[in-house]
Protein backbone atom coordinates (compact mmCIF):
# COMPACT_ATOMS: atom_id res chain seq x y z
CA MET A 1 45.00 107.32 -59.27
CA ARG A 2 48.09 107.63 -57.07
CA PRO A 3 51.27 106.19 -58.48
CA ALA A 4 52.61 103.13 -56.75
CA THR A 5 55.43 103.92 -54.40
CA LEU A 6 58.52 101.84 -54.33
CA PRO A 7 59.16 100.08 -51.03
CA HIS A 8 61.74 101.80 -48.90
CA ARG A 9 64.99 99.88 -48.66
CA SER A 10 67.43 100.78 -45.97
CA PRO A 11 71.09 100.69 -46.94
CA PRO A 12 72.95 97.49 -45.99
CA PRO A 13 74.66 97.66 -42.61
CA ARG A 14 78.24 98.86 -42.73
CA THR A 15 79.55 95.96 -40.66
CA ARG A 16 82.41 95.01 -42.94
CA PRO A 17 84.22 98.38 -42.94
CA ARG A 18 83.73 98.55 -39.18
CA ARG A 19 85.14 95.08 -38.72
CA ASP A 20 88.06 95.88 -41.02
CA ARG A 21 88.83 98.93 -38.88
CA GLY A 22 88.63 96.71 -35.82
CA ASP A 23 91.27 94.41 -37.34
CA LEU A 24 93.57 97.40 -37.83
CA VAL A 25 93.01 98.50 -34.24
CA VAL A 26 93.98 95.05 -32.98
CA LEU A 27 97.03 95.11 -35.26
CA GLY A 28 98.00 98.43 -33.70
CA VAL A 29 97.65 96.94 -30.21
CA GLU A 30 99.91 94.06 -31.29
CA ALA A 31 102.50 96.51 -32.59
CA ALA A 32 102.38 98.48 -29.34
CA LEU A 33 102.76 95.30 -27.29
CA LEU A 34 105.75 94.18 -29.34
CA ALA A 35 107.40 97.61 -29.22
CA ALA A 36 106.92 97.74 -25.44
CA ALA A 37 108.34 94.24 -24.99
CA VAL A 38 111.43 95.11 -27.07
CA ALA A 39 111.96 98.49 -25.38
CA VAL A 40 111.44 97.26 -21.82
CA GLY A 41 113.53 94.17 -22.54
CA ALA A 42 116.40 96.31 -23.82
CA LEU A 43 116.15 98.55 -20.76
CA LEU A 44 116.13 95.61 -18.35
CA ASN A 45 119.09 94.03 -20.12
CA HIS A 46 120.95 97.35 -19.94
CA ARG A 47 120.31 97.47 -16.19
CA GLY A 48 121.62 93.94 -15.74
CA VAL A 49 118.28 92.31 -14.88
CA GLY A 50 118.52 88.59 -15.55
CA LEU A 51 116.28 88.21 -18.57
CA HIS A 52 118.80 85.82 -20.14
CA ALA A 53 117.49 86.84 -23.56
CA ASP A 54 119.67 89.33 -25.45
CA ALA A 55 116.88 90.14 -27.91
CA ALA A 56 113.97 89.96 -25.49
CA PRO A 57 111.17 89.04 -25.83
CA LEU A 58 112.84 86.42 -28.02
CA TYR A 59 115.56 84.08 -26.82
CA ALA A 60 117.97 85.20 -29.51
CA THR A 61 120.91 87.45 -30.31
CA TRP A 62 120.83 90.54 -32.52
CA TRP A 63 122.74 89.63 -35.70
CA PRO A 64 121.56 91.23 -38.98
CA HIS A 65 122.61 88.88 -41.77
CA VAL A 66 121.63 87.15 -44.99
CA GLY A 67 122.45 83.67 -46.19
CA TRP A 68 122.05 81.39 -49.14
CA GLY A 69 118.65 80.39 -47.75
CA THR A 70 117.44 83.97 -48.25
CA PRO A 71 116.46 83.75 -51.95
CA ALA A 72 114.92 80.34 -51.41
CA ALA A 73 112.74 81.63 -48.56
CA VAL A 74 111.61 84.62 -50.62
CA ALA A 75 110.83 82.33 -53.57
CA VAL A 76 108.70 80.00 -51.44
CA ALA A 77 106.79 82.97 -50.00
CA VAL A 78 106.11 84.41 -53.47
CA LEU A 79 104.88 81.05 -54.79
CA VAL A 80 102.52 80.51 -51.87
CA LEU A 81 101.21 84.09 -52.02
CA GLY A 82 100.66 83.87 -55.77
CA PRO A 83 99.53 80.62 -57.40
CA GLY A 84 99.60 78.68 -54.14
CA LEU A 85 96.88 80.75 -52.49
CA ARG A 86 94.61 80.41 -55.53
CA TRP A 87 95.33 76.69 -55.92
CA ALA A 88 94.47 76.01 -52.26
CA GLY A 89 90.84 76.82 -53.02
CA THR A 90 90.46 74.56 -56.05
CA ALA A 91 92.95 71.69 -55.91
CA ARG A 92 92.00 68.09 -55.20
CA TRP A 93 92.32 67.33 -51.51
CA GLY A 94 95.09 64.72 -51.57
CA PRO A 95 97.48 66.65 -53.85
CA LEU A 96 96.76 69.82 -51.88
CA LEU A 97 97.85 68.22 -48.60
CA ALA A 98 100.98 66.77 -50.21
CA ALA A 99 101.88 70.11 -51.75
CA GLY A 100 101.19 71.90 -48.46
CA TRP A 101 103.54 69.59 -46.58
CA ALA A 102 106.27 69.94 -49.24
CA ALA A 103 105.93 73.73 -49.23
CA SER A 104 106.10 73.79 -45.44
CA VAL A 105 109.29 71.71 -45.51
CA ALA A 106 110.79 74.03 -48.13
CA TRP A 107 109.84 77.15 -46.13
CA THR A 108 111.29 75.76 -42.90
CA LEU A 109 114.52 74.58 -44.50
CA ALA A 110 115.00 77.85 -46.38
CA LEU A 111 114.60 79.86 -43.17
CA ALA A 112 117.04 77.60 -41.35
CA LEU A 113 119.59 77.92 -44.12
CA VAL A 114 119.59 81.70 -43.82
CA ASP A 115 121.90 80.96 -40.87
CA GLY A 116 123.92 78.48 -42.92
CA TRP A 117 123.96 74.69 -43.00
CA SER A 118 126.05 74.18 -39.89
CA ARG A 119 124.65 76.91 -37.63
CA GLY A 120 121.09 76.61 -38.93
CA LEU A 121 120.76 72.82 -39.00
CA ALA A 122 123.66 70.45 -38.46
CA ARG A 123 124.98 71.78 -35.14
CA ARG A 124 121.81 73.26 -33.71
CA LEU A 125 120.76 70.18 -31.74
CA THR A 126 124.25 69.14 -30.65
CA VAL A 127 124.99 71.84 -28.06
CA GLN A 128 125.28 70.86 -24.42
CA ALA A 129 121.75 71.89 -23.43
CA GLU A 130 120.14 69.75 -26.15
CA TYR A 131 118.90 66.15 -26.24
CA LEU A 132 121.65 64.84 -28.53
CA HIS A 133 124.20 65.62 -25.84
CA GLU A 134 122.60 62.88 -23.73
CA VAL A 135 122.08 60.20 -26.38
CA PRO A 136 125.53 58.57 -25.88
CA ARG A 137 124.78 58.32 -22.13
CA VAL A 138 121.71 56.15 -22.71
CA GLY A 139 122.64 52.48 -22.67
CA ASP A 140 119.77 50.38 -21.40
CA VAL A 141 116.48 52.21 -22.06
CA GLY A 142 114.68 50.44 -19.22
CA ALA A 143 117.35 51.45 -16.71
CA THR A 144 117.26 55.01 -18.06
CA LEU A 145 113.51 55.25 -17.51
CA ALA A 146 113.69 53.74 -14.04
CA GLY A 147 116.38 56.19 -12.94
CA PHE A 148 115.28 59.20 -14.96
CA THR A 149 113.83 61.27 -12.12
CA ASP A 150 116.94 60.79 -9.99
CA ARG A 151 118.95 62.82 -12.51
CA ILE A 152 116.56 65.74 -13.00
CA LEU A 153 117.87 68.00 -10.24
CA ASP A 154 120.90 70.11 -11.09
CA PHE A 155 124.34 70.25 -9.49
CA GLN A 156 124.83 66.48 -9.42
CA PRO A 157 127.61 64.61 -11.23
CA ASP A 158 125.11 62.81 -13.48
CA SER A 159 122.44 65.54 -13.84
CA TRP A 160 120.64 65.65 -17.15
CA SER A 161 121.33 68.62 -19.40
CA THR A 162 118.79 71.44 -19.51
CA HIS A 163 116.34 70.27 -22.16
CA THR A 164 116.42 66.61 -21.14
CA ALA A 165 115.87 67.48 -17.47
CA GLY A 166 113.03 69.86 -18.32
CA HIS A 167 110.95 67.25 -20.15
CA PRO A 168 109.68 63.74 -19.48
CA PRO A 169 111.84 60.97 -20.99
CA GLY A 170 109.76 60.59 -24.15
CA ALA A 171 111.53 63.58 -25.66
CA LEU A 172 114.98 62.03 -25.16
CA LEU A 173 113.74 58.66 -26.43
CA VAL A 174 112.79 60.22 -29.78
CA PHE A 175 116.43 61.06 -30.47
CA VAL A 176 117.71 57.83 -28.92
CA GLY A 177 115.40 56.00 -31.31
CA LEU A 178 116.75 57.90 -34.31
CA ASP A 179 120.28 57.04 -33.23
CA ARG A 180 119.44 53.34 -32.81
CA ILE A 181 118.08 53.08 -36.36
CA GLY A 182 121.19 54.69 -37.83
CA LEU A 183 120.00 58.30 -37.99
CA GLY A 184 122.23 59.70 -35.27
CA GLY A 185 123.92 63.08 -35.34
CA GLY A 186 122.81 66.65 -35.67
CA THR A 187 121.90 66.66 -39.35
CA ALA A 188 119.54 63.67 -39.19
CA ALA A 189 117.93 64.97 -35.99
CA ALA A 190 117.41 68.43 -37.48
CA LEU A 191 115.87 67.04 -40.66
CA ALA A 192 113.57 64.83 -38.58
CA CYS A 193 112.39 67.90 -36.68
CA VAL A 194 111.65 69.69 -39.96
CA LEU A 195 109.91 66.77 -41.65
CA VAL A 196 107.75 65.88 -38.65
CA GLY A 197 107.07 69.50 -37.70
CA ALA A 198 105.80 70.23 -41.22
CA THR A 199 103.09 67.57 -40.86
CA THR A 200 101.14 70.09 -38.78
CA THR A 201 100.29 71.67 -42.15
CA VAL A 202 98.50 68.41 -43.00
CA SER A 203 97.05 67.40 -39.64
CA VAL A 204 95.23 70.65 -38.83
CA PRO A 205 93.34 70.81 -42.18
CA VAL A 206 92.55 67.08 -41.95
CA THR A 207 91.02 67.72 -38.52
CA LEU A 208 88.93 70.63 -39.81
CA ARG A 209 87.68 68.62 -42.79
CA ALA A 210 86.73 65.68 -40.57
CA LEU A 211 84.77 68.09 -38.37
CA GLY A 212 82.78 69.41 -41.33
CA ALA A 213 84.82 72.51 -42.21
CA GLN A 214 86.50 71.66 -45.51
CA ALA A 215 86.29 75.15 -47.04
CA GLN A 216 87.78 76.60 -43.86
CA ALA A 217 90.54 73.99 -43.94
CA ARG A 218 91.54 75.21 -47.40
CA ALA A 219 91.62 78.80 -46.14
CA VAL A 220 93.81 77.91 -43.16
CA LEU A 221 96.37 75.75 -45.00
CA PRO A 222 98.45 78.55 -46.63
CA PHE A 223 98.81 80.23 -43.23
CA LEU A 224 100.16 76.98 -41.80
CA VAL A 225 102.66 76.75 -44.66
CA LEU A 226 104.05 80.26 -44.09
CA LEU A 227 103.95 80.00 -40.30
CA PRO A 228 106.55 82.40 -38.84
CA GLY A 229 107.16 79.78 -36.16
CA ALA A 230 108.90 77.71 -38.83
CA VAL A 231 111.97 79.71 -37.77
CA TRP A 232 111.97 77.52 -34.64
CA VAL A 233 110.60 74.32 -36.17
CA GLY A 234 113.90 74.14 -38.06
CA ALA A 235 115.33 72.86 -35.92
CA SER A 236 114.15 72.14 -32.39
CA GLY A 237 112.53 69.28 -30.58
CA ASP A 238 109.41 71.41 -30.28
CA GLY A 239 108.89 70.96 -34.02
CA VAL A 240 108.56 67.21 -33.45
CA PHE A 241 106.27 67.85 -30.48
CA ALA A 242 103.98 70.02 -32.62
CA GLY A 243 103.75 67.34 -35.29
CA VAL A 244 102.94 64.58 -32.79
CA VAL A 245 100.25 66.66 -31.06
CA ALA A 246 98.59 67.70 -34.32
CA ALA A 247 98.59 64.13 -35.66
CA GLY A 248 97.07 62.83 -32.43
CA LEU A 249 94.23 65.34 -32.57
CA ALA A 250 93.65 64.62 -36.28
CA LEU A 251 93.35 60.88 -35.60
CA LEU A 252 90.80 61.60 -32.87
CA ALA A 253 88.70 63.44 -35.46
CA VAL A 254 88.69 61.00 -38.37
CA ARG A 255 86.77 57.79 -38.93
CA GLY A 256 86.20 55.23 -36.17
CA PRO A 257 87.45 53.96 -32.81
CA VAL A 258 90.64 52.40 -34.21
CA THR A 259 92.01 55.72 -35.45
CA ALA A 260 90.77 57.35 -32.24
CA MET A 261 92.84 54.87 -30.24
CA LEU A 262 95.87 55.66 -32.40
CA GLY A 263 95.23 59.33 -31.69
CA GLY A 264 95.05 58.54 -27.99
CA LEU A 265 98.38 56.70 -28.20
CA LEU A 266 100.02 59.75 -29.79
CA LEU A 267 98.47 62.16 -27.31
CA GLY A 268 99.45 59.85 -24.47
CA TYR A 269 103.02 59.87 -25.74
CA ALA A 270 102.82 63.67 -25.98
CA LEU A 271 102.37 63.73 -22.20
CA TYR A 272 105.88 62.25 -22.04
CA LEU A 273 107.29 64.80 -24.48
CA SER A 274 106.36 67.83 -22.36
CA TYR A 275 104.71 68.23 -18.97
CA GLY A 276 102.83 71.20 -20.40
CA PHE A 277 100.83 68.97 -22.70
CA VAL A 278 98.31 68.24 -19.97
CA LEU A 279 96.90 71.50 -21.33
CA LEU A 280 95.93 69.64 -24.52
CA GLY A 281 92.85 68.34 -22.70
CA PRO A 282 90.47 71.11 -23.88
CA LEU A 283 91.61 70.70 -27.50
CA ALA A 284 91.05 66.95 -27.39
CA LEU A 285 87.60 67.39 -25.84
CA VAL A 286 86.63 69.93 -28.51
CA VAL A 287 87.66 67.53 -31.27
CA LEU A 288 85.69 64.69 -29.70
CA ALA A 289 82.64 66.87 -29.08
CA LEU A 290 82.56 68.08 -32.70
CA ARG A 291 82.91 64.65 -34.28
CA PRO A 292 79.79 64.07 -36.41
CA THR A 293 79.32 60.46 -35.20
CA ARG A 294 80.35 57.92 -32.55
CA ARG A 295 81.59 60.45 -30.02
CA ARG A 296 81.39 58.16 -27.00
CA ALA A 297 83.17 55.30 -28.76
CA ALA A 298 85.92 57.66 -29.88
CA LEU A 299 86.24 59.06 -26.35
CA LEU A 300 86.59 55.58 -24.89
CA ALA A 301 89.08 54.50 -27.56
CA GLY A 302 91.17 57.66 -27.22
CA ALA A 303 91.22 57.42 -23.44
CA THR A 304 92.30 53.78 -23.73
CA GLY A 305 95.20 54.80 -25.97
CA VAL A 306 96.34 57.44 -23.47
CA ALA A 307 96.03 54.97 -20.58
CA LEU A 308 98.15 52.37 -22.39
CA VAL A 309 101.01 54.83 -22.82
CA VAL A 310 100.79 56.02 -19.22
CA ALA A 311 100.78 52.41 -18.01
CA ALA A 312 103.81 51.52 -20.15
CA PHE A 313 105.95 54.38 -18.82
CA THR A 314 104.80 53.80 -15.25
CA LEU A 315 105.57 50.08 -15.37
CA ALA A 316 108.98 50.93 -16.83
CA GLY A 317 109.69 52.90 -13.66
CA PHE A 318 109.04 56.52 -14.60
CA SER A 319 106.54 58.41 -12.45
CA TRP A 320 105.12 61.41 -14.32
CA TRP A 321 104.07 63.24 -11.16
CA GLN A 322 107.39 62.70 -9.43
CA GLY A 323 109.15 63.93 -12.55
CA TYR A 324 107.01 67.05 -12.65
CA ASP A 325 107.67 67.83 -8.98
CA ARG A 326 111.41 67.64 -9.57
CA VAL A 327 111.21 69.66 -12.77
CA VAL A 328 109.64 72.53 -10.82
CA VAL A 329 112.63 72.45 -8.45
CA ARG A 330 115.10 72.21 -11.38
CA TYR A 331 113.34 75.09 -13.14
CA TYR A 332 114.09 77.41 -10.26
CA GLN A 333 117.65 76.14 -9.93
CA GLY A 334 118.38 77.88 -13.21
CA TRP A 335 117.53 81.09 -15.06
CA ALA A 336 113.88 81.03 -13.97
CA THR A 337 114.95 82.42 -10.60
CA ASP A 338 116.37 85.52 -12.31
CA ARG A 339 113.78 86.00 -15.04
CA PRO A 340 111.14 88.44 -13.70
CA TYR A 341 107.57 87.16 -13.90
CA ALA A 342 106.28 90.75 -14.08
CA TYR A 343 107.99 91.17 -17.46
CA TRP A 344 107.58 87.75 -19.01
CA VAL A 345 103.90 87.29 -18.15
CA TRP A 346 103.05 89.86 -20.84
CA ALA A 347 106.22 89.79 -22.96
CA ASN A 348 105.56 86.09 -23.64
CA LEU A 349 102.51 87.20 -25.63
CA ALA A 350 104.71 89.45 -27.77
CA ALA A 351 106.97 86.47 -28.45
CA LEU A 352 103.91 84.43 -29.41
CA LEU A 353 102.95 87.13 -31.92
CA LEU A 354 106.30 86.70 -33.65
CA SER A 355 105.85 82.93 -33.77
CA ALA A 356 102.17 82.71 -34.73
CA GLY A 357 102.33 85.95 -36.72
CA PRO A 358 100.56 89.33 -36.65
CA VAL A 359 97.39 87.81 -38.11
CA LEU A 360 96.78 86.14 -34.74
CA GLY A 361 95.04 89.03 -32.98
CA PRO A 362 92.69 90.03 -35.83
CA ALA A 363 91.88 86.37 -36.54
CA LEU A 364 91.02 85.65 -32.90
CA ARG A 365 88.91 88.80 -32.83
CA ARG A 366 86.98 87.66 -35.91
CA ALA A 367 86.49 84.19 -34.43
CA THR A 368 85.21 85.69 -31.18
CA LEU A 369 82.69 87.86 -33.03
CA ALA A 370 81.56 84.89 -35.12
CA GLY A 371 81.13 82.82 -31.98
CA ARG A 372 79.08 85.57 -30.35
CA ASP A 373 76.82 85.86 -33.39
CA ARG A 374 76.29 82.09 -33.62
CA TRP A 375 75.53 81.85 -29.91
CA ARG A 376 72.87 84.55 -30.20
CA SER A 377 71.30 83.00 -33.26
CA THR A 378 70.50 79.60 -31.77
CA ALA A 379 68.10 78.60 -29.02
CA ARG A 380 69.17 74.96 -28.74
CA ARG A 381 70.12 73.33 -25.46
CA PHE A 382 73.56 73.96 -24.03
CA PRO A 383 75.72 71.08 -25.42
CA ALA A 384 74.29 71.41 -28.92
CA ARG A 385 74.51 75.18 -28.70
CA VAL A 386 78.22 74.98 -27.94
CA ARG A 387 78.80 72.53 -30.81
CA ASP A 388 77.04 75.00 -33.13
CA LEU A 389 79.98 77.39 -32.60
CA GLY A 390 81.98 75.09 -34.84
CA PRO A 391 85.66 74.08 -35.02
CA THR A 392 86.96 77.42 -36.28
CA VAL A 393 85.71 79.06 -33.08
CA LEU A 394 86.21 76.31 -30.50
CA LEU A 395 89.65 75.04 -31.53
CA PRO A 396 91.33 78.48 -31.36
CA ALA A 397 89.49 79.14 -28.08
CA ALA A 398 90.80 75.91 -26.55
CA ALA A 399 94.34 76.66 -27.76
CA ALA A 400 94.12 80.19 -26.37
CA LEU A 401 92.97 78.80 -23.02
CA ALA A 402 96.00 76.50 -22.93
CA VAL A 403 98.37 79.38 -23.74
CA VAL A 404 96.89 81.63 -21.05
CA ALA A 405 97.15 78.85 -18.46
CA ALA A 406 100.77 78.16 -19.41
CA ASP A 407 101.59 81.85 -19.28
CA LEU A 408 100.03 82.50 -15.89
CA SER A 409 101.64 79.37 -14.39
CA GLY A 410 105.07 81.01 -14.33
CA MET A 411 106.58 77.85 -15.82
CA SER A 412 106.95 79.47 -19.25
CA LYS A 413 109.10 82.52 -18.66
CA ALA A 414 110.73 83.18 -22.06
CA GLU A 415 111.43 80.90 -25.04
CA VAL A 416 107.70 80.46 -25.68
CA GLU A 417 108.23 81.23 -29.36
CA ARG A 418 109.23 77.57 -29.68
CA ILE A 419 107.62 76.06 -26.54
CA TRP A 420 104.13 77.09 -27.66
CA LEU A 421 104.55 75.88 -31.27
CA PRO A 422 102.18 72.92 -30.65
CA PHE A 423 99.39 75.43 -29.93
CA ALA A 424 100.21 77.92 -32.72
CA GLY A 425 98.65 75.93 -35.55
CA TRP A 426 95.37 75.57 -33.66
CA LEU A 427 95.29 79.27 -32.85
CA LEU A 428 95.65 80.03 -36.55
CA VAL A 429 92.50 78.06 -37.36
CA ALA A 430 90.80 81.38 -36.57
CA VAL A 431 92.09 82.86 -39.87
CA ALA A 432 89.18 81.09 -41.57
CA HIS A 433 87.03 84.02 -40.36
CA LEU A 434 89.07 86.64 -42.20
CA PRO A 435 87.39 88.00 -45.35
CA GLN A 436 88.78 86.37 -48.45
CA SER A 437 89.69 89.74 -49.95
CA SER A 438 92.19 90.46 -47.17
CA ARG A 439 93.78 87.04 -46.71
CA ARG A 440 96.61 87.62 -49.19
CA TRP A 441 97.70 90.76 -47.32
CA TRP A 442 97.61 89.02 -43.96
CA LEU A 443 99.54 86.08 -45.39
CA ALA A 444 102.15 88.46 -46.77
CA GLY A 445 102.49 89.93 -43.28
CA GLN A 446 103.09 86.44 -41.91
CA ALA A 447 105.86 85.75 -44.42
CA LEU A 448 107.44 89.16 -43.85
CA THR A 449 107.47 88.58 -40.08
CA ALA A 450 109.39 85.33 -40.47
CA LEU A 451 111.88 86.88 -42.90
CA VAL A 452 112.52 89.93 -40.72
CA VAL A 453 112.99 87.89 -37.53
CA ASN A 454 115.28 85.39 -39.20
CA HIS A 455 117.45 88.03 -40.88
CA LEU A 456 117.76 90.38 -37.89
CA LEU A 457 118.31 87.76 -35.19
CA LEU A 458 120.26 84.60 -34.58
CA THR A 459 117.60 82.46 -32.96
CA VAL A 460 118.39 79.74 -30.45
CA SER A 461 116.45 76.47 -30.21
């Protein structure tokens, strides 16, 4: 009698080591891109080309330094990398979100205070180019809105300063509102930017959980806390913009039509914070498409909220399209004329890497591979097949699409490390696809990036 033979078992596929090597290859490409952007930027600055960025690709000045925020920033990073990372996987949801927001505030403030209280916070929003410079010039809000576009173009006696002219009036009204309720001045404005900007750490996970990805939300949260872009959240108006955008998208995702309308109101107001936020459309559509229930009702409610905001600003006398047309002219009245598109169209991506962090490339690669595998594994009809890709694939893809469109437009030459902050958190949703065993190392790289940038450079908001 012949002995029974054991069934042949082929060894498991070696996909994980191959994918880990792929992550390292992408990291190497990122390093090469950053090195090229720094080297070419230094060469162009040496030749007198008008980059208007001393530490290109960042709008900053080389200034190695430490400050009394240094030990605090290191302490926050160590706590998040140690017990914080473990706790994110097991804590109750409400306390986790509260702790995430508090840790994000602490991280942002500590990084800002590396430059000192005055330079890092109190005086940062009071320079001539910033919104606070214009607050005393706003008397009647209605009259300001009605005449806003007339003051966008430069070289007029009453021209708006750079940041106010470059944005719709909603951005200025944020700081006018703070002043009217007794929170005027640079310190209050800077703290508002930090506190509101840190809510992105809450809004993005809330969105993921509402879309059926709670475990992934827990994985993403520590990366939002130690976002290198916190260097620019504290303090710039773009920190507020990021918080408003993230909250609007989160409200579109949760519960019923009432919250969707509130989300639409916030996203409608976002259109009057930055002209570039028309690019939020794909993100909003992804959120609505992935809602588990009542998609059409949420779409109608959200669109109604946006329409109400647009109607209010239009009736007050501000035309968004006329404002945009004049902003394009104003843009090329300034440094944009000198800044070479051929450099910034790719160097912008290096700046984004320093704001979103080096994990960005490997995470997007993992999300792309996951999306490919899910697409191949389903034979459902097209809309359902797209929804099967899930929020951790579609949200980063929509954010990446917005960034590419902004980059190619030529209206974002430099300073994107802060301008693209509202998209950075959604790009980092892709980190949910990183293997759990490597997340601590990637998170450490994120923290190190922020610390190195903030201690080598004096960043400008």
